Amino acid sequence: MAHVLVVDDDPLFREVAAEILLQAGHTVDHAGNGLDAQRIEARPDLAVVDMLMPGRDGIETIGDLRARWPDVKLIAVSAGRRGLSPGLLLRTAVAMGADATLAKPVQPEALRDLVGQLLG
């Protein structure tokens, strides 16, 4: 199927997202933040990117991925944090080039369906 990159500083989210995507037949790479994502050599077809991460946040990571692989599909995810609503963060992600968004907690079927839609 497709190669998917999951970039999130929450190891549990990475593990659960990877399992959902693997069950859907995709191959998965993962990174704990945007800096780790820069080290991924294999071009993903789609990336799931958390908005709030240490080192390099989601906005920077989306920019990096778009510059490196302009046609990669991007899903931004966020639960928000102290005064930053998920809605604001996710709208910003779309303005910066994300193709779609999901608010955390992400439902497995929502992730699976959205990945399928974006990959056509």
PDB file of N, CA and C in Angstrom:
ATOM      1  N   MET A   1       0.840  -1.185   0.000  1.00  0.00           N
ATOM      2  CA  MET A   1       0.000   0.000   0.000  1.00  0.00           C
ATOM      3  C   MET A   1       0.883   1.245   0.000  1.00  0.00           C
ATOM      4  N   ALA A   2       0.946   1.963   1.129  1.00  0.00           N
ATOM      5  CA  ALA A   2       1.689   3.223   1.158  1.00  0.00           C
ATOM      6  C   ALA A   2       2.697   3.224   2.302  1.00  0.00           C
ATOM      7  N   HIS A   3       3.654   4.136   2.198  1.00  0.00           N
ATOM      8  CA  HIS A   3       4.647   4.340   3.252  1.00  0.00           C
ATOM      9  C   HIS A   3       4.212   5.571   4.046  1.00  0.00           C
ATOM     10  N   VAL A   4       4.006   5.400   5.363  1.00  0.00           N
ATOM     11  CA  VAL A   4       3.515   6.476   6.222  1.00  0.00           C
ATOM     12  C   VAL A   4       4.551   6.782   7.295  1.00  0.00           C
ATOM     13  N   LEU A   5       4.766   8.066   7.545  1.00  0.00           N
ATOM     14  CA  LEU A   5       5.650   8.547   8.595  1.00  0.00           C
ATOM     15  C   LEU A   5       4.795   9.154   9.706  1.00  0.00           C
ATOM     16  N   VAL A   6       4.991   8.696  10.941  1.00  0.00           N
ATOM     17  CA  VAL A   6       4.286   9.243  12.099  1.00  0.00           C
ATOM     18  C   VAL A   6       5.305  10.023  12.925  1.00  0.00           C
ATOM     19  N   VAL A   7       5.065  11.329  13.117  1.00  0.00           N
ATOM     20  CA  VAL A   7       5.971  12.191  13.869  1.00  0.00           C
ATOM     21  C   VAL A   7       5.217  12.726  15.081  1.00  0.00           C
ATOM     22  N   ASP A   8       5.581  12.235  16.267  1.00  0.00           N
ATOM     23  CA  ASP A   8       4.886  12.632  17.493  1.00  0.00           C
ATOM     24  C   ASP A   8       5.800  12.350  18.679  1.00  0.00           C
ATOM     25  N   ASP A   9       5.826  13.256  19.648  1.00  0.00           N
ATOM     26  CA  ASP A   9       6.682  13.052  20.815  1.00  0.00           C
ATOM     27  C   ASP A   9       6.071  12.104  21.848  1.00  0.00           C
ATOM     28  N   ASP A  10       4.839  11.698  21.645  1.00  0.00           N
ATOM     29  CA  ASP A  10       4.178  10.754  22.553  1.00  0.00           C
ATOM     30  C   ASP A  10       4.392   9.329  22.034  1.00  0.00           C
ATOM     31  N   PRO A  11       5.214   8.524  22.740  1.00  0.00           N
ATOM     32  CA  PRO A  11       5.490   7.172  22.248  1.00  0.00           C
ATOM     33  C   PRO A  11       4.240   6.290  22.153  1.00  0.00           C
ATOM     34  N   LEU A  12       3.280   6.497  23.042  1.00  0.00           N
ATOM     35  CA  LEU A  12       2.049   5.704  22.979  1.00  0.00           C
ATOM     36  C   LEU A  12       1.262   6.039  21.714  1.00  0.00           C
ATOM     37  N   PHE A  13       1.158   7.326  21.387  1.00  0.00           N
ATOM     38  CA  PHE A  13       0.454   7.705  20.158  1.00  0.00           C
ATOM     39  C   PHE A  13       1.156   7.103  18.941  1.00  0.00           C
ATOM     40  N   ARG A  14       2.491   7.190  18.904  1.00  0.00           N
ATOM     41  CA  ARG A  14       3.233   6.619  17.771  1.00  0.00           C
ATOM     42  C   ARG A  14       2.958   5.128  17.637  1.00  0.00           C
ATOM     43  N   GLU A  15       2.968   4.421  18.758  1.00  0.00           N
ATOM     44  CA  GLU A  15       2.749   2.975  18.747  1.00  0.00           C
ATOM     45  C   GLU A  15       1.338   2.629  18.266  1.00  0.00           C
ATOM     46  N   VAL A  16       0.345   3.320  18.800  1.00  0.00           N
ATOM     47  CA  VAL A  16      -1.045   3.044  18.417  1.00  0.00           C
ATOM     48  C   VAL A  16      -1.279   3.410  16.949  1.00  0.00           C
ATOM     49  N   ALA A  17      -0.810   4.572  16.521  1.00  0.00           N
ATOM     50  CA  ALA A  17      -0.982   4.988  15.131  1.00  0.00           C
ATOM     51  C   ALA A  17      -0.290   4.007  14.187  1.00  0.00           C
ATOM     52  N   ALA A  18       0.910   3.588  14.552  1.00  0.00           N
ATOM     53  CA  ALA A  18       1.636   2.626  13.713  1.00  0.00           C
ATOM     54  C   ALA A  18       0.864   1.326  13.594  1.00  0.00           C
ATOM     55  N   GLU A  19       0.297   0.845  14.692  1.00  0.00           N
ATOM     56  CA  GLU A  19      -0.467  -0.403  14.652  1.00  0.00           C
ATOM     57  C   GLU A  19      -1.702  -0.274  13.759  1.00  0.00           C
ATOM     58  N   ILE A  20      -2.410   0.842  13.862  1.00  0.00           N
ATOM     59  CA  ILE A  20      -3.589   1.087  13.010  1.00  0.00           C
ATOM     60  C   ILE A  20      -3.185   1.076  11.540  1.00  0.00           C
ATOM     61  N   LEU A  21      -2.092   1.751  11.235  1.00  0.00           N
ATOM     62  CA  LEU A  21      -1.643   1.866   9.851  1.00  0.00           C
ATOM     63  C   LEU A  21      -1.096   0.545   9.315  1.00  0.00           C
ATOM     64  N   LEU A  22      -0.378  -0.191  10.162  1.00  0.00           N
ATOM     65  CA  LEU A  22       0.119  -1.507   9.754  1.00  0.00           C
ATOM     66  C   LEU A  22      -1.035  -2.456   9.461  1.00  0.00           C
ATOM     67  N   GLN A  23      -2.068  -2.430  10.308  1.00  0.00           N
ATOM     68  CA  GLN A  23      -3.237  -3.285  10.085  1.00  0.00           C
ATOM     69  C   GLN A  23      -3.956  -2.929   8.786  1.00  0.00           C
ATOM     70  N   ALA A  24      -3.831  -1.675   8.371  1.00  0.00           N
ATOM     71  CA  ALA A  24      -4.439  -1.241   7.108  1.00  0.00           C
ATOM     72  C   ALA A  24      -3.549  -1.573   5.908  1.00  0.00           C
ATOM     73  N   GLY A  25      -2.391  -2.188   6.167  1.00  0.00           N
ATOM     74  CA  GLY A  25      -1.524  -2.633   5.090  1.00  0.00           C
ATOM     75  C   GLY A  25      -0.394  -1.696   4.706  1.00  0.00           C
ATOM     76  N   HIS A  26      -0.202  -0.616   5.450  1.00  0.00           N
ATOM     77  CA  HIS A  26       0.847   0.356   5.140  1.00  0.00           C
ATOM     78  C   HIS A  26       2.158  -0.012   5.828  1.00  0.00           C
ATOM     79  N   THR A  27       3.258   0.481   5.300  1.00  0.00           N
ATOM     80  CA  THR A  27       4.524   0.419   6.011  1.00  0.00           C
ATOM     81  C   THR A  27       4.653   1.719   6.800  1.00  0.00           C
ATOM     82  N   VAL A  28       5.315   1.655   7.952  1.00  0.00           N
ATOM     83  CA  VAL A  28       5.354   2.813   8.839  1.00  0.00           C
ATOM     84  C   VAL A  28       6.768   3.074   9.338  1.00  0.00           C
ATOM     85  N   ASP A  29       7.181   4.330   9.267  1.00  0.00           N
ATOM     86  CA  ASP A  29       8.357   4.847   9.967  1.00  0.00           C
ATOM     87  C   ASP A  29       7.831   5.796  11.019  1.00  0.00           C
ATOM     88  N   HIS A  30       8.615   6.023  12.060  1.00  0.00           N
ATOM     89  CA  HIS A  30       8.173   7.000  13.054  1.00  0.00           C
ATOM     90  C   HIS A  30       9.356   7.782  13.585  1.00  0.00           C
ATOM     91  N   ALA A  31       9.039   8.966  14.088  1.00  0.00           N
ATOM     92  CA  ALA A  31      10.041   9.863  14.656  1.00  0.00           C
ATOM     93  C   ALA A  31       9.433  10.544  15.871  1.00  0.00           C
ATOM     94  N   GLY A  32      10.257  10.788  16.881  1.00  0.00           N
ATOM     95  CA  GLY A  32       9.794  11.388  18.130  1.00  0.00           C
ATOM     96  C   GLY A  32       9.667  12.898  18.098  1.00  0.00           C
ATOM     97  N   ASN A  33      10.199  13.529  17.053  1.00  0.00           N
ATOM     98  CA  ASN A  33      10.069  14.981  16.893  1.00  0.00           C
ATOM     99  C   ASN A  33      10.518  15.355  15.480  1.00  0.00           C
ATOM    100  N   GLY A  34      10.434  16.636  15.185  1.00  0.00           N
ATOM    101  CA  GLY A  34      10.776  17.095  13.846  1.00  0.00           C
ATOM    102  C   GLY A  34      12.236  16.902  13.485  1.00  0.00           C
ATOM    103  N   LEU A  35      13.114  16.978  14.474  1.00  0.00           N
ATOM    104  CA  LEU A  35      14.537  16.750  14.200  1.00  0.00           C
ATOM    105  C   LEU A  35      14.775  15.308  13.783  1.00  0.00           C
ATOM    106  N   ASP A  36      14.150  14.374  14.487  1.00  0.00           N
ATOM    107  CA  ASP A  36      14.265  12.958  14.118  1.00  0.00           C
ATOM    108  C   ASP A  36      13.653  12.711  12.734  1.00  0.00           C
ATOM    109  N   ALA A  37      12.582  13.411  12.412  1.00  0.00           N
ATOM    110  CA  ALA A  37      11.929  13.241  11.111  1.00  0.00           C
ATOM    111  C   ALA A  37      12.862  13.646   9.974  1.00  0.00           C
ATOM    112  N   GLN A  38      13.723  14.634  10.212  1.00  0.00           N
ATOM    113  CA  GLN A  38      14.659  15.072   9.184  1.00  0.00           C
ATOM    114  C   GLN A  38      15.657  13.974   8.826  1.00  0.00           C
ATOM    115  N   ARG A  39      15.859  13.026   9.740  1.00  0.00           N
ATOM    116  CA  ARG A  39      16.825  11.950   9.515  1.00  0.00           C
ATOM    117  C   ARG A  39      16.234  10.781   8.712  1.00  0.00           C
ATOM    118  N   ILE A  40      14.922  10.796   8.517  1.00  0.00           N
ATOM    119  CA  ILE A  40      14.271   9.726   7.744  1.00  0.00           C
ATOM    120  C   ILE A  40      14.673   9.891   6.285  1.00  0.00           C
ATOM    121  N   GLU A  41      15.193   8.832   5.694  1.00  0.00           N
ATOM    122  CA  GLU A  41      15.653   8.916   4.310  1.00  0.00           C
ATOM    123  C   GLU A  41      14.608   8.482   3.303  1.00  0.00           C
ATOM    124  N   ALA A  42      13.792   7.505   3.663  1.00  0.00           N
ATOM    125  CA  ALA A  42      12.794   6.990   2.718  1.00  0.00           C
ATOM    126  C   ALA A  42      11.636   7.972   2.595  1.00  0.00           C
ATOM    127  N   ARG A  43      11.299   8.317   1.369  1.00  0.00           N
ATOM    128  CA  ARG A  43      10.209   9.266   1.120  1.00  0.00           C
ATOM    129  C   ARG A  43       8.873   8.636   1.501  1.00  0.00           C
ATOM    130  N   PRO A  44       8.134   9.287   2.411  1.00  0.00           N
ATOM    131  CA  PRO A  44       6.802   8.775   2.741  1.00  0.00           C
ATOM    132  C   PRO A  44       5.776   9.254   1.712  1.00  0.00           C
ATOM    133  N   ASP A  45       4.704   8.490   1.597  1.00  0.00           N
ATOM    134  CA  ASP A  45       3.578   8.937   0.783  1.00  0.00           C
ATOM    135  C   ASP A  45       2.701   9.889   1.587  1.00  0.00           C
ATOM    136  N   LEU A  46       2.729   9.705   2.918  1.00  0.00           N
ATOM    137  CA  LEU A  46       1.883  10.484   3.820  1.00  0.00           C
ATOM    138  C   LEU A  46       2.592  10.584   5.159  1.00  0.00           C
ATOM    139  N   ALA A  47       2.427  11.719   5.834  1.00  0.00           N
ATOM    140  CA  ALA A  47       2.983  11.897   7.180  1.00  0.00           C
ATOM    141  C   ALA A  47       1.889  12.385   8.118  1.00  0.00           C
ATOM    142  N   VAL A  48       1.894  11.844   9.327  1.00  0.00           N
ATOM    143  CA  VAL A  48       1.020  12.279  10.411  1.00  0.00           C
ATOM    144  C   VAL A  48       1.919  13.050  11.367  1.00  0.00           C
ATOM    145  N   VAL A  49       1.635  14.341  11.583  1.00  0.00           N
ATOM    146  CA  VAL A  49       2.543  15.205  12.327  1.00  0.00           C
ATOM    147  C   VAL A  49       1.825  15.868  13.496  1.00  0.00           C
ATOM    148  N   ASP A  50       2.364  15.669  14.706  1.00  0.00           N
ATOM    149  CA  ASP A  50       1.851  16.341  15.895  1.00  0.00           C
ATOM    150  C   ASP A  50       2.276  17.809  15.848  1.00  0.00           C
ATOM    151  N   MET A  51       1.432  18.679  16.329  1.00  0.00           N
ATOM    152  CA  MET A  51       1.727  20.110  16.267  1.00  0.00           C
ATOM    153  C   MET A  51       2.646  20.595  17.385  1.00  0.00           C
ATOM    154  N   LEU A  52       2.554  20.002  18.563  1.00  0.00           N
ATOM    155  CA  LEU A  52       3.354  20.467  19.692  1.00  0.00           C
ATOM    156  C   LEU A  52       4.378  19.405  20.084  1.00  0.00           C
ATOM    157  N   MET A  53       5.639  19.662  19.727  1.00  0.00           N
ATOM    158  CA  MET A  53       6.732  18.740  20.026  1.00  0.00           C
ATOM    159  C   MET A  53       7.964  19.549  20.403  1.00  0.00           C
ATOM    160  N   PRO A  54       8.815  18.979  21.241  1.00  0.00           N
ATOM    161  CA  PRO A  54      10.079  19.657  21.554  1.00  0.00           C
ATOM    162  C   PRO A  54      11.046  19.558  20.371  1.00  0.00           C
ATOM    163  N   GLY A  55      12.009  20.436  20.347  1.00  0.00           N
ATOM    164  CA  GLY A  55      13.025  20.385  19.292  1.00  0.00           C
ATOM    165  C   GLY A  55      12.587  21.124  18.053  1.00  0.00           C
ATOM    166  N   ARG A  56      11.679  20.526  17.321  1.00  0.00           N
ATOM    167  CA  ARG A  56      11.125  21.133  16.105  1.00  0.00           C
ATOM    168  C   ARG A  56       9.646  20.833  16.115  1.00  0.00           C
ATOM    169  N   ASP A  57       8.833  21.885  16.182  1.00  0.00           N
ATOM    170  CA  ASP A  57       7.390  21.681  16.320  1.00  0.00           C
ATOM    171  C   ASP A  57       6.747  21.271  14.995  1.00  0.00           C
ATOM    172  N   GLY A  58       5.439  21.091  15.039  1.00  0.00           N
ATOM    173  CA  GLY A  58       4.713  20.624  13.870  1.00  0.00           C
ATOM    174  C   GLY A  58       4.750  21.572  12.690  1.00  0.00           C
ATOM    175  N   ILE A  59       4.664  22.858  12.954  1.00  0.00           N
ATOM    176  CA  ILE A  59       4.706  23.841  11.864  1.00  0.00           C
ATOM    177  C   ILE A  59       6.044  23.749  11.131  1.00  0.00           C
ATOM    178  N   GLU A  60       7.142  23.711  11.885  1.00  0.00           N
ATOM    179  CA  GLU A  60       8.459  23.597  11.267  1.00  0.00           C
ATOM    180  C   GLU A  60       8.597  22.264  10.520  1.00  0.00           C
ATOM    181  N   THR A  61       8.070  21.209  11.117  1.00  0.00           N
ATOM    182  CA  THR A  61       8.167  19.878  10.514  1.00  0.00           C
ATOM    183  C   THR A  61       7.361  19.805   9.227  1.00  0.00           C
ATOM    184  N   ILE A  62       6.168  20.383   9.214  1.00  0.00           N
ATOM    185  CA  ILE A  62       5.369  20.427   7.986  1.00  0.00           C
ATOM    186  C   ILE A  62       6.144  21.171   6.900  1.00  0.00           C
ATOM    187  N   GLY A  63       6.745  22.300   7.260  1.00  0.00           N
ATOM    188  CA  GLY A  63       7.554  23.052   6.291  1.00  0.00           C
ATOM    189  C   GLY A  63       8.723  22.237   5.765  1.00  0.00           C
ATOM    190  N   ASP A  64       9.403  21.528   6.670  1.00  0.00           N
ATOM    191  CA  ASP A  64      10.534  20.683   6.273  1.00  0.00           C
ATOM    192  C   ASP A  64      10.091  19.590   5.306  1.00  0.00           C
ATOM    193  N   LEU A  65       8.996  18.919   5.658  1.00  0.00           N
ATOM    194  CA  LEU A  65       8.509  17.817   4.814  1.00  0.00           C
ATOM    195  C   LEU A  65       8.066  18.319   3.447  1.00  0.00           C
ATOM    196  N   ARG A  66       7.366  19.463   3.418  1.00  0.00           N
ATOM    197  CA  ARG A  66       6.917  20.047   2.142  1.00  0.00           C
ATOM    198  C   ARG A  66       8.110  20.442   1.262  1.00  0.00           C
ATOM    199  N   ALA A  67       9.160  20.991   1.892  1.00  0.00           N
ATOM    200  CA  ALA A  67      10.338  21.401   1.125  1.00  0.00           C
ATOM    201  C   ALA A  67      11.067  20.188   0.551  1.00  0.00           C
ATOM    202  N   ARG A  68      11.125  19.140   1.323  1.00  0.00           N
ATOM    203  CA  ARG A  68      11.856  17.935   0.920  1.00  0.00           C
ATOM    204  C   ARG A  68      11.065  17.088  -0.076  1.00  0.00           C
ATOM    205  N   TRP A  69       9.778  16.923   0.193  1.00  0.00           N
ATOM    206  CA  TRP A  69       8.899  16.088  -0.639  1.00  0.00           C
ATOM    207  C   TRP A  69       7.602  16.868  -0.886  1.00  0.00           C
ATOM    208  N   PRO A  70       7.563  17.729  -1.889  1.00  0.00           N
ATOM    209  CA  PRO A  70       6.410  18.623  -2.092  1.00  0.00           C
ATOM    210  C   PRO A  70       5.061  17.929  -2.231  1.00  0.00           C
ATOM    211  N   ASP A  71       5.047  16.691  -2.708  1.00  0.00           N
ATOM    212  CA  ASP A  71       3.773  16.028  -2.940  1.00  0.00           C
ATOM    213  C   ASP A  71       3.353  15.088  -1.811  1.00  0.00           C
ATOM    214  N   VAL A  72       4.103  15.050  -0.713  1.00  0.00           N
ATOM    215  CA  VAL A  72       3.709  14.192   0.411  1.00  0.00           C
ATOM    216  C   VAL A  72       2.389  14.702   0.990  1.00  0.00           C
ATOM    217  N   LYS A  73       1.492  13.795   1.328  1.00  0.00           N
ATOM    218  CA  LYS A  73       0.231  14.167   1.977  1.00  0.00           C
ATOM    219  C   LYS A  73       0.509  14.340   3.465  1.00  0.00           C
ATOM    220  N   LEU A  74      -0.097  15.351   4.084  1.00  0.00           N
ATOM    221  CA  LEU A  74       0.171  15.662   5.489  1.00  0.00           C
ATOM    222  C   LEU A  74      -1.112  15.738   6.306  1.00  0.00           C
ATOM    223  N   ILE A  75      -1.107  15.014   7.424  1.00  0.00           N
ATOM    224  CA  ILE A  75      -2.190  15.097   8.401  1.00  0.00           C
ATOM    225  C   ILE A  75      -1.602  15.675   9.680  1.00  0.00           C
ATOM    226  N   ALA A  76      -2.120  16.804  10.134  1.00  0.00           N
ATOM    227  CA  ALA A  76      -1.694  17.397  11.399  1.00  0.00           C
ATOM    228  C   ALA A  76      -2.617  16.892  12.506  1.00  0.00           C
ATOM    229  N   VAL A  77      -2.030  16.591  13.670  1.00  0.00           N
ATOM    230  CA  VAL A  77      -2.808  16.151  14.827  1.00  0.00           C
ATOM    231  C   VAL A  77      -2.421  16.996  16.036  1.00  0.00           C
ATOM    232  N   SER A  78      -3.389  17.216  16.932  1.00  0.00           N
ATOM    233  CA  SER A  78      -3.090  17.981  18.140  1.00  0.00           C
ATOM    234  C   SER A  78      -4.183  17.804  19.179  1.00  0.00           C
ATOM    235  N   ALA A  79      -3.747  17.835  20.428  1.00  0.00           N
ATOM    236  CA  ALA A  79      -4.676  17.870  21.552  1.00  0.00           C
ATOM    237  C   ALA A  79      -4.692  19.258  22.178  1.00  0.00           C
ATOM    238  N   GLY A  80      -3.855  20.150  21.669  1.00  0.00           N
ATOM    239  CA  GLY A  80      -3.732  21.469  22.267  1.00  0.00           C
ATOM    240  C   GLY A  80      -2.925  21.390  23.546  1.00  0.00           C
ATOM    241  N   ARG A  81      -2.759  22.534  24.184  1.00  0.00           N
ATOM    242  CA  ARG A  81      -2.021  22.591  25.436  1.00  0.00           C
ATOM    243  C   ARG A  81      -2.131  23.994  25.997  1.00  0.00           C
ATOM    244  N   ARG A  82      -2.300  24.116  27.284  1.00  0.00           N
ATOM    245  CA  ARG A  82      -2.322  25.388  28.020  1.00  0.00           C
ATOM    246  C   ARG A  82      -2.559  26.627  27.167  1.00  0.00           C
ATOM    247  N   GLY A  83      -3.788  26.936  26.941  1.00  0.00           N
ATOM    248  CA  GLY A  83      -4.125  28.157  26.227  1.00  0.00           C
ATOM    249  C   GLY A  83      -4.067  28.045  24.713  1.00  0.00           C
ATOM    250  N   LEU A  84      -3.600  26.925  24.205  1.00  0.00           N
ATOM    251  CA  LEU A  84      -3.562  26.712  22.759  1.00  0.00           C
ATOM    252  C   LEU A  84      -4.579  25.633  22.424  1.00  0.00           C
ATOM    253  N   SER A  85      -5.668  26.041  21.830  1.00  0.00           N
ATOM    254  CA  SER A  85      -6.715  25.077  21.512  1.00  0.00           C
ATOM    255  C   SER A  85      -6.291  24.220  20.320  1.00  0.00           C
ATOM    256  N   PRO A  86      -6.772  22.977  20.272  1.00  0.00           N
ATOM    257  CA  PRO A  86      -6.461  22.157  19.099  1.00  0.00           C
ATOM    258  C   PRO A  86      -6.949  22.819  17.815  1.00  0.00           C
ATOM    259  N   GLY A  87      -8.108  23.469  17.875  1.00  0.00           N
ATOM    260  CA  GLY A  87      -8.658  24.112  16.679  1.00  0.00           C
ATOM    261  C   GLY A  87      -7.719  25.156  16.097  1.00  0.00           C
ATOM    262  N   LEU A  88      -7.172  26.008  16.948  1.00  0.00           N
ATOM    263  CA  LEU A  88      -6.244  27.046  16.489  1.00  0.00           C
ATOM    264  C   LEU A  88      -5.000  26.417  15.881  1.00  0.00           C
ATOM    265  N   LEU A  89      -4.442  25.433  16.559  1.00  0.00           N
ATOM    266  CA  LEU A  89      -3.230  24.781  16.061  1.00  0.00           C
ATOM    267  C   LEU A  89      -3.484  24.080  14.727  1.00  0.00           C
ATOM    268  N   LEU A  90      -4.615  23.422  14.620  1.00  0.00           N
ATOM    269  CA  LEU A  90      -4.915  22.681  13.401  1.00  0.00           C
ATOM    270  C   LEU A  90      -5.246  23.608  12.229  1.00  0.00           C
ATOM    271  N   ARG A  91      -5.907  24.729  12.505  1.00  0.00           N
ATOM    272  CA  ARG A  91      -6.150  25.718  11.434  1.00  0.00           C
ATOM    273  C   ARG A  91      -4.815  26.295  10.937  1.00  0.00           C
ATOM    274  N   THR A  92      -3.896  26.525  11.860  1.00  0.00           N
ATOM    275  CA  THR A  92      -2.567  27.019  11.492  1.00  0.00           C
ATOM    276  C   THR A  92      -1.844  25.988  10.631  1.00  0.00           C
ATOM    277  N   ALA A  93      -1.986  24.714  10.981  1.00  0.00           N
ATOM    278  CA  ALA A  93      -1.350  23.647  10.204  1.00  0.00           C
ATOM    279  C   ALA A  93      -1.855  23.638   8.769  1.00  0.00           C
ATOM    280  N   VAL A  94      -3.149  23.807   8.584  1.00  0.00           N
ATOM    281  CA  VAL A  94      -3.717  23.840   7.233  1.00  0.00           C
ATOM    282  C   VAL A  94      -3.164  25.051   6.475  1.00  0.00           C
ATOM    283  N   ALA A  95      -3.077  26.191   7.142  1.00  0.00           N
ATOM    284  CA  ALA A  95      -2.526  27.384   6.505  1.00  0.00           C
ATOM    285  C   ALA A  95      -1.068  27.186   6.085  1.00  0.00           C
ATOM    286  N   MET A  96      -0.354  26.317   6.806  1.00  0.00           N
ATOM    287  CA  MET A  96       1.053  26.055   6.516  1.00  0.00           C
ATOM    288  C   MET A  96       1.257  24.884   5.553  1.00  0.00           C
ATOM    289  N   GLY A  97       0.171  24.238   5.123  1.00  0.00           N
ATOM    290  CA  GLY A  97       0.319  23.216   4.105  1.00  0.00           C
ATOM    291  C   GLY A  97      -0.192  21.831   4.435  1.00  0.00           C
ATOM    292  N   ALA A  98      -0.762  21.629   5.623  1.00  0.00           N
ATOM    293  CA  ALA A  98      -1.331  20.318   5.933  1.00  0.00           C
ATOM    294  C   ALA A  98      -2.548  20.075   5.051  1.00  0.00           C
ATOM    295  N   ASP A  99      -2.720  18.837   4.622  1.00  0.00           N
ATOM    296  CA  ASP A  99      -3.858  18.481   3.783  1.00  0.00           C
ATOM    297  C   ASP A  99      -5.116  18.210   4.592  1.00  0.00           C
ATOM    298  N   ALA A 100      -4.924  17.781   5.848  1.00  0.00           N
ATOM    299  CA  ALA A 100      -6.057  17.429   6.700  1.00  0.00           C
ATOM    300  C   ALA A 100      -5.611  17.479   8.155  1.00  0.00           C
ATOM    301  N   THR A 101      -6.593  17.428   9.055  1.00  0.00           N
ATOM    302  CA  THR A 101      -6.282  17.488  10.486  1.00  0.00           C
ATOM    303  C   THR A 101      -7.160  16.501  11.252  1.00  0.00           C
ATOM    304  N   LEU A 102      -6.658  16.113  12.425  1.00  0.00           N
ATOM    305  CA  LEU A 102      -7.420  15.310  13.372  1.00  0.00           C
ATOM    306  C   LEU A 102      -7.102  15.812  14.775  1.00  0.00           C
ATOM    307  N   ALA A 103      -8.137  16.022  15.560  1.00  0.00           N
ATOM    308  CA  ALA A 103      -7.933  16.395  16.962  1.00  0.00           C
ATOM    309  C   ALA A 103      -7.709  15.123  17.777  1.00  0.00           C
ATOM    310  N   LYS A 104      -6.791  15.215  18.734  1.00  0.00           N
ATOM    311  CA  LYS A 104      -6.563  14.095  19.655  1.00  0.00           C
ATOM    312  C   LYS A 104      -7.593  14.162  20.760  1.00  0.00           C
ATOM    313  N   PRO A 105      -8.041  13.065  21.303  1.00  0.00           N
ATOM    314  CA  PRO A 105      -7.603  11.713  20.959  1.00  0.00           C
ATOM    315  C   PRO A 105      -8.159  11.300  19.597  1.00  0.00           C
ATOM    316  N   VAL A 106      -7.301  10.685  18.807  1.00  0.00           N
ATOM    317  CA  VAL A 106      -7.660  10.267  17.457  1.00  0.00           C
ATOM    318  C   VAL A 106      -8.340   8.902  17.520  1.00  0.00           C
ATOM    319  N   GLN A 107      -9.485   8.813  16.901  1.00  0.00           N
ATOM    320  CA  GLN A 107     -10.193   7.538  16.820  1.00  0.00           C
ATOM    321  C   GLN A 107      -9.560   6.688  15.714  1.00  0.00           C
ATOM    322  N   PRO A 108      -9.322   5.400  15.973  1.00  0.00           N
ATOM    323  CA  PRO A 108      -8.659   4.547  14.969  1.00  0.00           C
ATOM    324  C   PRO A 108      -9.311   4.589  13.592  1.00  0.00           C
ATOM    325  N   GLU A 109     -10.644   4.498  13.565  1.00  0.00           N
ATOM    326  CA  GLU A 109     -11.314   4.494  12.260  1.00  0.00           C
ATOM    327  C   GLU A 109     -11.177   5.838  11.560  1.00  0.00           C
ATOM    328  N   ALA A 110     -11.119   6.926  12.307  1.00  0.00           N
ATOM    329  CA  ALA A 110     -10.955   8.253  11.700  1.00  0.00           C
ATOM    330  C   ALA A 110      -9.583   8.362  11.039  1.00  0.00           C
ATOM    331  N   LEU A 111      -8.549   7.871  11.708  1.00  0.00           N
ATOM    332  CA  LEU A 111      -7.206   7.900  11.123  1.00  0.00           C
ATOM    333  C   LEU A 111      -7.150   7.015   9.887  1.00  0.00           C
ATOM    334  N   ARG A 112      -7.633   5.803  10.006  1.00  0.00           N
ATOM    335  CA  ARG A 112      -7.621   4.853   8.887  1.00  0.00           C
ATOM    336  C   ARG A 112      -8.377   5.421   7.681  1.00  0.00           C
ATOM    337  N   ASP A 113      -9.573   5.972   7.918  1.00  0.00           N
ATOM    338  CA  ASP A 113     -10.390   6.515   6.835  1.00  0.00           C
ATOM    339  C   ASP A 113      -9.735   7.731   6.179  1.00  0.00           C
ATOM    340  N   LEU A 114      -9.176   8.635   6.991  1.00  0.00           N
ATOM    341  CA  LEU A 114      -8.563   9.837   6.444  1.00  0.00           C
ATOM    342  C   LEU A 114      -7.322   9.492   5.622  1.00  0.00           C
ATOM    343  N   VAL A 115      -6.529   8.571   6.096  1.00  0.00           N
ATOM    344  CA  VAL A 115      -5.357   8.139   5.333  1.00  0.00           C
ATOM    345  C   VAL A 115      -5.816   7.554   3.988  1.00  0.00           C
ATOM    346  N   GLY A 116      -6.840   6.727   4.026  1.00  0.00           N
ATOM    347  CA  GLY A 116      -7.371   6.153   2.789  1.00  0.00           C
ATOM    348  C   GLY A 116      -7.870   7.218   1.824  1.00  0.00           C
ATOM    349  N   GLN A 117      -8.566   8.224   2.334  1.00  0.00           N
ATOM    350  CA  GLN A 117      -9.063   9.305   1.483  1.00  0.00           C
ATOM    351  C   GLN A 117      -7.928  10.076   0.828  1.00  0.00           C
ATOM    352  N   LEU A 118      -6.910  10.406   1.629  1.00  0.00           N
ATOM    353  CA  LEU A 118      -5.815  11.217   1.100  1.00  0.00           C
ATOM    354  C   LEU A 118      -4.956  10.457   0.094  1.00  0.00           C
ATOM    355  N   LEU A 119      -4.840   9.162   0.300  1.00  0.00           N
ATOM    356  CA  LEU A 119      -4.019   8.370  -0.610  1.00  0.00           C
ATOM    357  C   LEU A 119      -4.793   7.910  -1.839  1.00  0.00           C
ATOM    358  N   GLY A 120      -6.123   8.101  -1.790  1.00  0.00           N
ATOM    359  CA  GLY A 120      -6.977   7.800  -2.924  1.00  0.00           C
ATOM    360  C   GLY A 120      -7.050   6.336  -3.233  1.00  0.00           C
TER     361      GLY A 120
END
